[in-house]
Protein backbone atom coordinates (compact mmCIF):
# COMPACT_ATOMS: atom_id res chain seq x y z
CA MET A 1 0.00 0.00 0.00
CA SER A 2 1.49 3.33 -0.97
CA GLU A 3 1.78 6.21 1.44
CA GLN A 4 -0.80 8.18 -0.58
CA SER A 5 -3.46 5.49 -0.14
CA MET A 6 -2.95 5.09 3.61
CA PRO A 7 -6.01 6.17 5.59
CA ASP A 8 -5.70 9.23 7.84
CA HIS A 9 -7.08 7.31 10.80
CA PRO A 10 -5.87 3.79 11.70
CA ASP A 11 -9.46 2.48 11.78
CA ALA A 12 -10.48 4.21 8.55
CA LEU A 13 -11.42 2.14 5.56
CA PRO A 14 -9.06 2.21 2.58
CA ALA A 15 -10.08 4.75 -0.07
CA ALA A 16 -10.87 2.00 -2.59
CA VAL A 17 -13.32 0.39 -0.16
CA VAL A 18 -14.98 3.74 0.57
CA ASP A 19 -15.33 4.30 -3.18
CA LEU A 20 -16.87 0.85 -3.65
CA VAL A 21 -19.38 1.43 -0.83
CA ALA A 22 -20.23 4.84 -2.33
CA ALA A 23 -20.87 3.17 -5.70
CA LEU A 24 -23.17 0.66 -3.99
CA VAL A 25 -25.14 3.46 -2.34
CA GLU A 26 -25.36 5.34 -5.66
CA ALA A 27 -26.67 2.22 -7.35
CA LEU A 28 -29.39 1.48 -4.82
CA ASN A 29 -30.42 4.93 -3.59
CA ILE A 30 -32.96 5.87 -6.23
CA PRO A 31 -35.78 8.38 -5.76
CA LEU A 32 -39.22 7.21 -4.79
CA PRO A 33 -41.72 7.04 -7.64
CA ALA A 34 -44.82 9.14 -8.13
CA THR A 35 -47.95 7.37 -6.97
CA THR A 36 -49.15 5.98 -10.29
CA ASP A 37 -49.06 2.22 -10.78
CA ALA A 38 -46.90 2.60 -13.88
CA ASP A 39 -44.29 4.70 -12.05
CA GLU A 40 -44.24 2.27 -9.14
CA ARG A 41 -43.69 -0.66 -11.51
CA LEU A 42 -40.83 1.18 -13.23
CA TYR A 43 -39.30 2.01 -9.85
CA HIS A 44 -39.39 -1.60 -8.67
CA ARG A 45 -38.01 -2.89 -11.97
CA LEU A 46 -35.15 -0.36 -11.88
CA LEU A 47 -34.33 -1.18 -8.27
CA GLU A 48 -34.33 -4.89 -9.12
CA ARG A 49 -32.00 -4.39 -12.09
CA ARG A 50 -29.62 -2.20 -10.10
CA ALA A 51 -29.63 -4.68 -7.20
CA THR A 52 -28.75 -7.44 -9.66
CA THR A 53 -25.81 -5.32 -10.86
CA VAL A 54 -24.63 -4.92 -7.26
CA VAL A 55 -24.94 -8.66 -6.57
CA ILE A 56 -22.93 -9.49 -9.70
CA ALA A 57 -20.18 -7.04 -8.73
CA LEU A 58 -19.96 -8.22 -5.13
CA GLY A 59 -20.18 -11.89 -6.10
CA THR A 60 -17.34 -11.43 -8.57
CA LEU A 61 -15.28 -9.55 -6.01
CA LEU A 62 -15.77 -12.33 -3.46
CA LYS A 63 -15.05 -15.09 -5.95
CA PHE A 64 -11.87 -13.64 -7.41
CA GLN A 65 -10.83 -11.35 -4.52
CA SER A 66 -9.15 -9.02 -6.95
CA ASP A 67 -6.99 -6.09 -6.02
CA GLY A 68 -9.06 -3.90 -8.33
CA ILE A 69 -11.78 -2.74 -5.97
CA GLY A 70 -11.63 0.64 -7.70
CA ASN A 71 -12.36 -1.15 -10.96
CA ASP A 72 -15.39 -2.77 -9.34
CA ALA A 73 -16.69 0.62 -8.24
CA GLU A 74 -16.21 2.00 -11.75
CA TRP A 75 -17.93 -1.05 -13.26
CA ILE A 76 -20.95 -0.50 -11.00
CA ARG A 77 -21.11 3.19 -11.94
CA THR A 78 -20.89 2.36 -15.64
CA ARG A 79 -23.71 -0.21 -15.37
CA ILE A 80 -26.01 2.08 -13.35
CA ALA A 81 -25.46 4.89 -15.86
CA GLU A 82 -27.07 2.50 -18.34
CA LEU A 83 -30.04 2.16 -15.94
CA PRO A 84 -31.29 5.72 -15.39
CA VAL A 85 -34.44 6.81 -13.60
CA THR A 86 -37.17 6.98 -16.26
CA TYR A 87 -40.26 7.30 -14.08
CA ALA A 88 -41.94 10.34 -12.54
CA VAL A 89 -40.44 11.02 -9.11
CA PHE A 90 -42.52 11.56 -5.98
CA VAL A 91 -42.61 15.19 -4.89
CA PRO A 92 -43.90 15.86 -1.34
CA VAL A 93 -46.79 18.31 -1.11
CA GLN A 94 -44.72 20.93 0.75
CA GLU A 95 -42.18 20.95 -2.13
CA ARG A 96 -44.78 21.36 -4.86
CA GLY A 97 -45.29 24.99 -3.95
CA ALA A 98 -48.37 26.81 -2.86
CA GLY A 99 -50.54 28.09 -5.56
């Protein structure tokens, strides 16, 4: 491990692990859908597809235990970019504006 990649705190996670966890959060943290049945179906399908992407990445990482965790994070980000939000997003009443 190079000096540049050493964590600032002895208990801190390595930067590559933090990046991988951030990619996992990005993949699975999608906005809630509007309340129509069609939007809810699209939401659930997107979440399912993104979760499958995460499972593939983590399964591969566990199986091969590669040193390229940063590559795994990038792979996840590339795949989720291919799976954008295409449904109407829920907007709480207080954010819709008065009037």
